[in-house]
Amino acid sequence: MGALGAWVVASGLQGLMTQWLPAWAVALLLGLLLKPLFAWRMLRDEVLAVEAALAVSLDAGRAQLGRLVSRDVNVLDEREVRESAIESLAENLNDSLVAPVFWFVLFGLPGAAVYRFANTADAMWGYRGERGGRDWTWFGKWAARADDVLSWLPARLTALLLALAAWRWPDGLAREAHRTPSPNSGWPMAAMALLLGVRLAKPGVYALNGEGRAPSAADMQRTAQLGGRAVLAWALCASLVIVAAVGMRWE
């Protein structure tokens, strides 16, 4: 019902704009409405803030990382703090930018809104068991499966964009991506691990590029740079597709 509501509201807004406003105004307003669905700049700044906090102390780095991840940060050492931060940027590059734009290109504002609803629902309820005295098993499964379906292609596209940003293909990407329980998050995380040459792991769950070295402060900067280049590449590609689609409509 929530996804349907998001689609209906977004469709109504987009329909009203296209019916009553000139094309330039529609483009401007769509950009303003899309902005809250993206979170790349905040994500990049939060990840870089983890490294800045680590320069102060391990406890400060852990506390800053706690703003990004749901795992218990108090048991992580310096290497694991960096690994978690890099993983977070890689995974959320898809969730916060690539996937919303992908669905916007296909279905306009309603597509982006439904994706963000599904992704947020997965983050909030995409687990099994009880929380707050309620059993969320059924709803958690629905949210997780919906997000898996909507993120399947964008996650692999994110890995491709990171490869373009580094201007080389990460050998063994598919093998490493399948080491994670998620059918999607492993792709951007494995791409980042292989491109940086570092090991990224969640203790007791997976290890990506297991032969890689421990990430350094320089790798944190490199992560932000690769992410930024991937964002620019995706913005260019999406813009070209949108312009081409508009041009065909005017013919």
C-alpha atoms as a PDB file:
ATOM      1  CA  MET A   1       0.000   0.000   0.000  1.00  0.00           C
ATOM      2  CA  GLY A   2       2.839   2.360   0.818  1.00  0.00           C
ATOM      3  CA  ALA A   3       4.488   1.789  -2.569  1.00  0.00           C
ATOM      4  CA  LEU A   4       1.159   2.337  -4.304  1.00  0.00           C
ATOM      5  CA  GLY A   5       0.687   5.555  -2.356  1.00  0.00           C
ATOM      6  CA  ALA A   6       4.142   6.774  -3.353  1.00  0.00           C
ATOM      7  CA  TRP A   7       3.375   6.003  -7.008  1.00  0.00           C
ATOM      8  CA  VAL A   8      -0.006   7.755  -6.926  1.00  0.00           C
ATOM      9  CA  VAL A   9       1.310  10.913  -5.240  1.00  0.00           C
ATOM     10  CA  ALA A  10       4.351  11.157  -7.514  1.00  0.00           C
ATOM     11  CA  SER A  11       2.248  10.470 -10.611  1.00  0.00           C
ATOM     12  CA  GLY A  12      -0.211  13.170  -9.601  1.00  0.00           C
ATOM     13  CA  LEU A  13       2.529  15.739  -9.101  1.00  0.00           C
ATOM     14  CA  GLN A  14       4.225  14.877 -12.371  1.00  0.00           C
ATOM     15  CA  GLY A  15       0.917  14.892 -14.245  1.00  0.00           C
ATOM     16  CA  LEU A  16      -0.060  18.313 -12.933  1.00  0.00           C
ATOM     17  CA  MET A  17       3.322  19.765 -13.827  1.00  0.00           C
ATOM     18  CA  THR A  18       3.374  18.430 -17.377  1.00  0.00           C
ATOM     19  CA  GLN A  19      -0.198  19.562 -17.971  1.00  0.00           C
ATOM     20  CA  TRP A  20       0.052  23.124 -16.698  1.00  0.00           C
ATOM     21  CA  LEU A  21       3.699  24.172 -16.888  1.00  0.00           C
ATOM     22  CA  PRO A  22       6.164  24.795 -19.737  1.00  0.00           C
ATOM     23  CA  ALA A  23       8.892  22.250 -20.344  1.00  0.00           C
ATOM     24  CA  TRP A  24      11.651  24.301 -18.674  1.00  0.00           C
ATOM     25  CA  ALA A  25       9.581  24.697 -15.501  1.00  0.00           C
ATOM     26  CA  VAL A  26       8.756  20.982 -15.450  1.00  0.00           C
ATOM     27  CA  ALA A  27      12.455  20.133 -15.694  1.00  0.00           C
ATOM     28  CA  LEU A  28      13.297  22.540 -12.866  1.00  0.00           C
ATOM     29  CA  LEU A  29      10.569  21.274 -10.540  1.00  0.00           C
ATOM     30  CA  LEU A  30      11.338  17.622 -11.262  1.00  0.00           C
ATOM     31  CA  GLY A  31      14.945  18.306 -10.330  1.00  0.00           C
ATOM     32  CA  LEU A  32      13.852  19.889  -7.055  1.00  0.00           C
ATOM     33  CA  LEU A  33      11.521  16.986  -6.257  1.00  0.00           C
ATOM     34  CA  LEU A  34      14.186  14.417  -7.110  1.00  0.00           C
ATOM     35  CA  LYS A  35      16.844  16.001  -4.921  1.00  0.00           C
ATOM     36  CA  PRO A  36      15.491  14.591  -1.623  1.00  0.00           C
ATOM     37  CA  LEU A  37      15.637  11.100  -3.158  1.00  0.00           C
ATOM     38  CA  PHE A  38      19.414  11.363  -3.567  1.00  0.00           C
ATOM     39  CA  ALA A  39      22.003  11.339  -0.787  1.00  0.00           C
ATOM     40  CA  TRP A  40      25.408  11.107  -2.505  1.00  0.00           C
ATOM     41  CA  ARG A  41      27.015  14.250  -1.084  1.00  0.00           C
ATOM     42  CA  MET A  42      25.978  13.419   2.472  1.00  0.00           C
ATOM     43  CA  LEU A  43      27.190   9.836   2.032  1.00  0.00           C
ATOM     44  CA  ARG A  44      30.602  10.946   0.765  1.00  0.00           C
ATOM     45  CA  ASP A  45      31.005  13.499   3.554  1.00  0.00           C
ATOM     46  CA  GLU A  46      30.017  10.986   6.236  1.00  0.00           C
ATOM     47  CA  VAL A  47      32.540   8.429   4.973  1.00  0.00           C
ATOM     48  CA  LEU A  48      35.343  10.983   4.849  1.00  0.00           C
ATOM     49  CA  ALA A  49      34.335  12.087   8.342  1.00  0.00           C
ATOM     50  CA  VAL A  50      35.040   8.555   9.560  1.00  0.00           C
ATOM     51  CA  GLU A  51      38.667   8.889   8.461  1.00  0.00           C
ATOM     52  CA  ALA A  52      38.929  12.340  10.028  1.00  0.00           C
ATOM     53  CA  ALA A  53      37.584  10.901  13.289  1.00  0.00           C
ATOM     54  CA  LEU A  54      40.030   7.988  13.150  1.00  0.00           C
ATOM     55  CA  ALA A  55      42.858  10.535  13.033  1.00  0.00           C
ATOM     56  CA  VAL A  56      41.645  11.659  16.469  1.00  0.00           C
ATOM     57  CA  SER A  57      41.087   8.248  18.041  1.00  0.00           C
ATOM     58  CA  LEU A  58      39.687   4.798  17.370  1.00  0.00           C
ATOM     59  CA  ASP A  59      36.714   5.511  19.611  1.00  0.00           C
ATOM     60  CA  ALA A  60      35.937   8.672  17.632  1.00  0.00           C
ATOM     61  CA  GLY A  61      36.146   6.704  14.395  1.00  0.00           C
ATOM     62  CA  ARG A  62      33.804   4.060  15.751  1.00  0.00           C
ATOM     63  CA  ALA A  63      31.307   6.684  16.875  1.00  0.00           C
ATOM     64  CA  GLN A  64      31.340   8.359  13.459  1.00  0.00           C
ATOM     65  CA  LEU A  65      30.940   5.008  11.693  1.00  0.00           C
ATOM     66  CA  GLY A  66      27.914   4.305  13.873  1.00  0.00           C
ATOM     67  CA  ARG A  67      26.110   7.036  11.919  1.00  0.00           C
ATOM     68  CA  LEU A  68      26.493   4.950   8.749  1.00  0.00           C
ATOM     69  CA  VAL A  69      26.081   1.291   9.683  1.00  0.00           C
ATOM     70  CA  SER A  70      23.821  -0.810  11.878  1.00  0.00           C
ATOM     71  CA  ARG A  71      26.459  -3.310  13.036  1.00  0.00           C
ATOM     72  CA  ASP A  72      28.074  -3.155  16.501  1.00  0.00           C
ATOM     73  CA  VAL A  73      30.917  -0.697  15.937  1.00  0.00           C
ATOM     74  CA  ASN A  74      32.337  -1.037  19.463  1.00  0.00           C
ATOM     75  CA  VAL A  75      34.089  -4.310  18.628  1.00  0.00           C
ATOM     76  CA  LEU A  76      35.749  -3.069  15.418  1.00  0.00           C
ATOM     77  CA  ASP A  77      39.437  -2.278  15.134  1.00  0.00           C
ATOM     78  CA  GLU A  78      40.860   0.476  12.907  1.00  0.00           C
ATOM     79  CA  ARG A  79      41.081  -1.769   9.842  1.00  0.00           C
ATOM     80  CA  GLU A  80      37.501  -2.956  10.281  1.00  0.00           C
ATOM     81  CA  VAL A  81      36.232   0.606  10.740  1.00  0.00           C
ATOM     82  CA  ARG A  82      37.717   1.575   7.384  1.00  0.00           C
ATOM     83  CA  GLU A  83      36.410  -1.569   5.726  1.00  0.00           C
ATOM     84  CA  SER A  84      32.887  -0.864   6.974  1.00  0.00           C
ATOM     85  CA  ALA A  85      33.020   2.753   5.804  1.00  0.00           C
ATOM     86  CA  ILE A  86      34.201   1.779   2.317  1.00  0.00           C
ATOM     87  CA  GLU A  87      31.517  -0.916   2.092  1.00  0.00           C
ATOM     88  CA  SER A  88      28.879   1.598   3.127  1.00  0.00           C
ATOM     89  CA  LEU A  89      29.848   4.067   0.420  1.00  0.00           C
ATOM     90  CA  ALA A  90      29.966   1.389  -2.280  1.00  0.00           C
ATOM     91  CA  GLU A  91      26.631  -0.180  -1.349  1.00  0.00           C
ATOM     92  CA  ASN A  92      24.818   3.099  -0.796  1.00  0.00           C
ATOM     93  CA  LEU A  93      26.142   4.555  -4.038  1.00  0.00           C
ATOM     94  CA  ASN A  94      23.586   2.266  -5.641  1.00  0.00           C
ATOM     95  CA  ASP A  95      20.824   2.807  -3.101  1.00  0.00           C
ATOM     96  CA  SER A  96      21.223   6.576  -2.844  1.00  0.00           C
ATOM     97  CA  LEU A  97      21.857   7.535  -6.442  1.00  0.00           C
ATOM     98  CA  VAL A  98      22.237   4.970  -9.212  1.00  0.00           C
ATOM     99  CA  ALA A  99      19.008   3.066  -8.570  1.00  0.00           C
ATOM    100  CA  PRO A 100      16.736   6.115  -8.033  1.00  0.00           C
ATOM    101  CA  VAL A 101      18.024   7.705 -11.244  1.00  0.00           C
ATOM    102  CA  PHE A 102      17.682   4.398 -13.106  1.00  0.00           C
ATOM    103  CA  TRP A 103      13.999   4.129 -12.196  1.00  0.00           C
ATOM    104  CA  PHE A 104      13.457   7.831 -12.877  1.00  0.00           C
ATOM    105  CA  VAL A 105      14.807   7.423 -16.405  1.00  0.00           C
ATOM    106  CA  LEU A 106      12.390   4.538 -16.985  1.00  0.00           C
ATOM    107  CA  PHE A 107       9.249   5.770 -15.226  1.00  0.00           C
ATOM    108  CA  GLY A 108       9.812   9.365 -14.190  1.00  0.00           C
ATOM    109  CA  LEU A 109       9.231  10.669 -10.678  1.00  0.00           C
ATOM    110  CA  PRO A 110       6.884   7.764  -9.726  1.00  0.00           C
ATOM    111  CA  GLY A 111       9.611   5.219 -10.505  1.00  0.00           C
ATOM    112  CA  ALA A 112      12.181   6.975  -8.332  1.00  0.00           C
ATOM    113  CA  ALA A 113       9.673   7.440  -5.498  1.00  0.00           C
ATOM    114  CA  VAL A 114       8.627   3.781  -5.444  1.00  0.00           C
ATOM    115  CA  TYR A 115      12.238   2.644  -5.431  1.00  0.00           C
ATOM    116  CA  ARG A 116      13.139   4.885  -2.492  1.00  0.00           C
ATOM    117  CA  PHE A 117      10.070   3.683  -0.610  1.00  0.00           C
ATOM    118  CA  ALA A 118      11.043   0.035  -1.142  1.00  0.00           C
ATOM    119  CA  ASN A 119      14.668   0.683  -0.203  1.00  0.00           C
ATOM    120  CA  THR A 120      13.709   2.572   2.958  1.00  0.00           C
ATOM    121  CA  ALA A 121      11.225  -0.142   3.926  1.00  0.00           C
ATOM    122  CA  ASP A 122      13.956  -2.752   3.502  1.00  0.00           C
ATOM    123  CA  ALA A 123      16.324  -0.763   5.721  1.00  0.00           C
ATOM    124  CA  MET A 124      13.644  -0.418   8.409  1.00  0.00           C
ATOM    125  CA  TRP A 125      11.896  -3.791   8.300  1.00  0.00           C
ATOM    126  CA  GLY A 126      13.947  -6.022   6.018  1.00  0.00           C
ATOM    127  CA  TYR A 127      14.794  -8.577   8.672  1.00  0.00           C
ATOM    128  CA  ARG A 128      13.164 -11.578  10.323  1.00  0.00           C
ATOM    129  CA  GLY A 129      11.934 -11.851  13.865  1.00  0.00           C
ATOM    130  CA  GLU A 130      10.582  -9.517  16.489  1.00  0.00           C
ATOM    131  CA  ARG A 131      11.313  -5.919  17.270  1.00  0.00           C
ATOM    132  CA  GLY A 132       9.497  -3.651  19.671  1.00  0.00           C
ATOM    133  CA  GLY A 133       7.239  -6.518  20.710  1.00  0.00           C
ATOM    134  CA  ARG A 134       5.963  -7.108  17.162  1.00  0.00           C
ATOM    135  CA  ASP A 135       6.703  -9.884  14.691  1.00  0.00           C
ATOM    136  CA  TRP A 136       7.896  -8.225  11.466  1.00  0.00           C
ATOM    137  CA  THR A 137       8.755 -11.471   9.653  1.00  0.00           C
ATOM    138  CA  TRP A 138       6.154 -11.245   6.893  1.00  0.00           C
ATOM    139  CA  PHE A 139       6.549  -7.528   6.255  1.00  0.00           C
ATOM    140  CA  GLY A 140      10.331  -7.802   6.467  1.00  0.00           C
ATOM    141  CA  LYS A 141      10.375 -10.501   3.813  1.00  0.00           C
ATOM    142  CA  TRP A 142       8.153  -8.443   1.507  1.00  0.00           C
ATOM    143  CA  ALA A 143      10.311  -5.330   1.908  1.00  0.00           C
ATOM    144  CA  ALA A 144      13.548  -7.252   1.346  1.00  0.00           C
ATOM    145  CA  ARG A 145      12.274  -9.072  -1.757  1.00  0.00           C
ATOM    146  CA  ALA A 146      10.890  -5.876  -3.294  1.00  0.00           C
ATOM    147  CA  ASP A 147      14.196  -4.101  -2.774  1.00  0.00           C
ATOM    148  CA  ASP A 148      16.108  -7.089  -4.195  1.00  0.00           C
ATOM    149  CA  VAL A 149      14.058  -7.005  -7.400  1.00  0.00           C
ATOM    150  CA  LEU A 150      14.274  -3.244  -7.879  1.00  0.00           C
ATOM    151  CA  SER A 151      18.005  -3.133  -7.101  1.00  0.00           C
ATOM    152  CA  TRP A 152      19.078  -6.134  -9.192  1.00  0.00           C
ATOM    153  CA  LEU A 153      20.075  -4.321 -12.376  1.00  0.00           C
ATOM    154  CA  PRO A 154      21.128  -0.982 -10.793  1.00  0.00           C
ATOM    155  CA  ALA A 155      23.541  -2.772  -8.426  1.00  0.00           C
ATOM    156  CA  ARG A 156      25.354  -4.354 -11.351  1.00  0.00           C
ATOM    157  CA  LEU A 157      25.265  -1.056 -13.182  1.00  0.00           C
ATOM    158  CA  THR A 158      26.919   0.569 -10.150  1.00  0.00           C
ATOM    159  CA  ALA A 159      29.767  -1.927 -10.375  1.00  0.00           C
ATOM    160  CA  LEU A 160      30.162  -1.068 -14.064  1.00  0.00           C
ATOM    161  CA  LEU A 161      30.211   2.668 -13.277  1.00  0.00           C
ATOM    162  CA  LEU A 162      32.947   2.131 -10.679  1.00  0.00           C
ATOM    163  CA  ALA A 163      34.945   0.204 -13.261  1.00  0.00           C
ATOM    164  CA  LEU A 164      34.532   3.103 -15.689  1.00  0.00           C
ATOM    165  CA  ALA A 165      35.623   5.517 -12.960  1.00  0.00           C
ATOM    166  CA  ALA A 166      38.823   3.520 -12.453  1.00  0.00           C
ATOM    167  CA  TRP A 167      39.136   2.886 -16.194  1.00  0.00           C
ATOM    168  CA  ARG A 168      39.724  -0.843 -15.705  1.00  0.00           C
ATOM    169  CA  TRP A 169      37.654  -3.957 -15.157  1.00  0.00           C
ATOM    170  CA  PRO A 170      37.910  -5.647 -11.733  1.00  0.00           C
ATOM    171  CA  ASP A 171      38.906  -9.245 -12.509  1.00  0.00           C
ATOM    172  CA  GLY A 172      36.900 -11.832 -10.592  1.00  0.00           C
ATOM    173  CA  LEU A 173      34.044  -9.431  -9.893  1.00  0.00           C
ATOM    174  CA  ALA A 174      31.202 -11.950 -10.233  1.00  0.00           C
ATOM    175  CA  ARG A 175      32.984 -14.506  -8.060  1.00  0.00           C
ATOM    176  CA  GLU A 176      33.579 -12.014  -5.266  1.00  0.00           C
ATOM    177  CA  ALA A 177      30.112 -10.455  -5.534  1.00  0.00           C
ATOM    178  CA  HIS A 178      28.479 -13.815  -4.871  1.00  0.00           C
ATOM    179  CA  ARG A 179      30.258 -14.175  -1.530  1.00  0.00           C
ATOM    180  CA  THR A 180      27.721 -11.900   0.181  1.00  0.00           C
ATOM    181  CA  PRO A 181      24.261 -13.095   1.321  1.00  0.00           C
ATOM    182  CA  SER A 182      22.625 -10.245  -0.616  1.00  0.00           C
ATOM    183  CA  PRO A 183      22.068 -10.799  -4.348  1.00  0.00           C
ATOM    184  CA  ASN A 184      22.894  -7.150  -5.023  1.00  0.00           C
ATOM    185  CA  SER A 185      25.082  -5.371  -2.460  1.00  0.00           C
ATOM    186  CA  GLY A 186      28.045  -7.614  -3.202  1.00  0.00           C
ATOM    187  CA  TRP A 187      28.447  -6.161  -6.698  1.00  0.00           C
ATOM    188  CA  PRO A 188      29.407  -2.559  -5.864  1.00  0.00           C
ATOM    189  CA  MET A 189      31.283  -3.649  -2.715  1.00  0.00           C
ATOM    190  CA  ALA A 190      33.285  -6.304  -4.574  1.00  0.00           C
ATOM    191  CA  ALA A 191      34.029  -3.851  -7.381  1.00  0.00           C
ATOM    192  CA  MET A 192      35.363  -1.322  -4.883  1.00  0.00           C
ATOM    193  CA  ALA A 193      37.441  -3.942  -3.048  1.00  0.00           C
ATOM    194  CA  LEU A 194      39.046  -5.206  -6.258  1.00  0.00           C
ATOM    195  CA  LEU A 195      39.655  -1.754  -7.725  1.00  0.00           C
ATOM    196  CA  LEU A 196      41.323  -0.530  -4.535  1.00  0.00           C
ATOM    197  CA  GLY A 197      43.158  -3.801  -3.958  1.00  0.00           C
ATOM    198  CA  VAL A 198      41.881  -4.045  -0.382  1.00  0.00           C
ATOM    199  CA  ARG A 199      40.041  -6.643   1.664  1.00  0.00           C
ATOM    200  CA  LEU A 200      36.489  -5.809   2.737  1.00  0.00           C
ATOM    201  CA  ALA A 201      34.804  -8.092   5.222  1.00  0.00           C
ATOM    202  CA  LYS A 202      31.954  -8.458   7.669  1.00  0.00           C
ATOM    203  CA  PRO A 203      33.207 -10.769  10.424  1.00  0.00           C
ATOM    204  CA  GLY A 204      31.544 -14.162  10.299  1.00  0.00           C
ATOM    205  CA  VAL A 205      29.564 -13.306   7.158  1.00  0.00           C
ATOM    206  CA  TYR A 206      31.829 -12.662   4.148  1.00  0.00           C
ATOM    207  CA  ALA A 207      35.231 -11.513   2.980  1.00  0.00           C
ATOM    208  CA  LEU A 208      35.660  -9.789  -0.387  1.00  0.00           C
ATOM    209  CA  ASN A 209      39.052  -9.877  -2.100  1.00  0.00           C
ATOM    210  CA  GLY A 210      40.356 -11.912   0.815  1.00  0.00           C
ATOM    211  CA  GLU A 211      43.964 -11.662  -0.384  1.00  0.00           C
ATOM    212  CA  GLY A 212      43.832  -7.884  -0.463  1.00  0.00           C
ATOM    213  CA  ARG A 213      45.647  -5.585   1.941  1.00  0.00           C
ATOM    214  CA  ALA A 214      44.137  -3.651   4.806  1.00  0.00           C
ATOM    215  CA  PRO A 215      42.643  -0.315   3.685  1.00  0.00           C
ATOM    216  CA  SER A 216      44.560   2.850   4.550  1.00  0.00           C
ATOM    217  CA  ALA A 217      43.630   6.500   4.941  1.00  0.00           C
ATOM    218  CA  ALA A 218      44.576   6.995   1.288  1.00  0.00           C
ATOM    219  CA  ASP A 219      42.099   4.275   0.301  1.00  0.00           C
ATOM    220  CA  MET A 220      39.312   6.180   2.021  1.00  0.00           C
ATOM    221  CA  GLN A 221      40.096   9.200  -0.167  1.00  0.00           C
ATOM    222  CA  ARG A 222      40.358   6.983  -3.226  1.00  0.00           C
ATOM    223  CA  THR A 223      36.947   5.482  -2.419  1.00  0.00           C
ATOM    224  CA  ALA A 224      35.357   8.938  -2.386  1.00  0.00           C
ATOM    225  CA  GLN A 225      37.101   9.831  -5.657  1.00  0.00           C
ATOM    226  CA  LEU A 226      35.933   6.696  -7.453  1.00  0.00           C
ATOM    227  CA  GLY A 227      32.417   7.232  -6.160  1.00  0.00           C
ATOM    228  CA  GLY A 228      32.439  10.835  -7.355  1.00  0.00           C
ATOM    229  CA  ARG A 229      33.612   9.862 -10.827  1.00  0.00           C
ATOM    230  CA  ALA A 230      30.953   7.152 -11.016  1.00  0.00           C
ATOM    231  CA  VAL A 231      28.320   9.733 -10.076  1.00  0.00           C
ATOM    232  CA  LEU A 232      29.467  12.073 -12.846  1.00  0.00           C
ATOM    233  CA  ALA A 233      29.491   9.256 -15.398  1.00  0.00           C
ATOM    234  CA  TRP A 234      26.002   8.173 -14.403  1.00  0.00           C
ATOM    235  CA  ALA A 235      24.675  11.740 -14.469  1.00  0.00           C
ATOM    236  CA  LEU A 236      26.009  12.148 -18.004  1.00  0.00           C
ATOM    237  CA  CYS A 237      24.573   8.849 -19.229  1.00  0.00           C
ATOM    238  CA  ALA A 238      21.171   9.456 -17.640  1.00  0.00           C
ATOM    239  CA  SER A 239      21.023  13.000 -19.023  1.00  0.00           C
ATOM    240  CA  LEU A 240      21.765  11.795 -22.541  1.00  0.00           C
ATOM    241  CA  VAL A 241      19.009   9.175 -22.319  1.00  0.00           C
ATOM    242  CA  ILE A 242      16.487  11.714 -21.010  1.00  0.00           C
ATOM    243  CA  VAL A 243      17.380  14.273 -23.679  1.00  0.00           C
ATOM    244  CA  ALA A 244      17.099  11.601 -26.394  1.00  0.00           C
ATOM    245  CA  ALA A 245      13.704  10.496 -25.062  1.00  0.00           C
ATOM    246  CA  VAL A 246      12.418  14.076 -24.969  1.00  0.00           C
ATOM    247  CA  GLY A 247      13.710  14.667 -28.473  1.00  0.00           C
ATOM    248  CA  MET A 248      11.900  11.599 -29.791  1.00  0.00           C
ATOM    249  CA  ARG A 249       8.689  12.782 -28.122  1.00  0.00           C
ATOM    250  CA  TRP A 250       8.914  16.147 -29.851  1.00  0.00           C
ATOM    251  CA  GLU A 251       9.392  14.581 -33.294  1.00  0.00           C
END
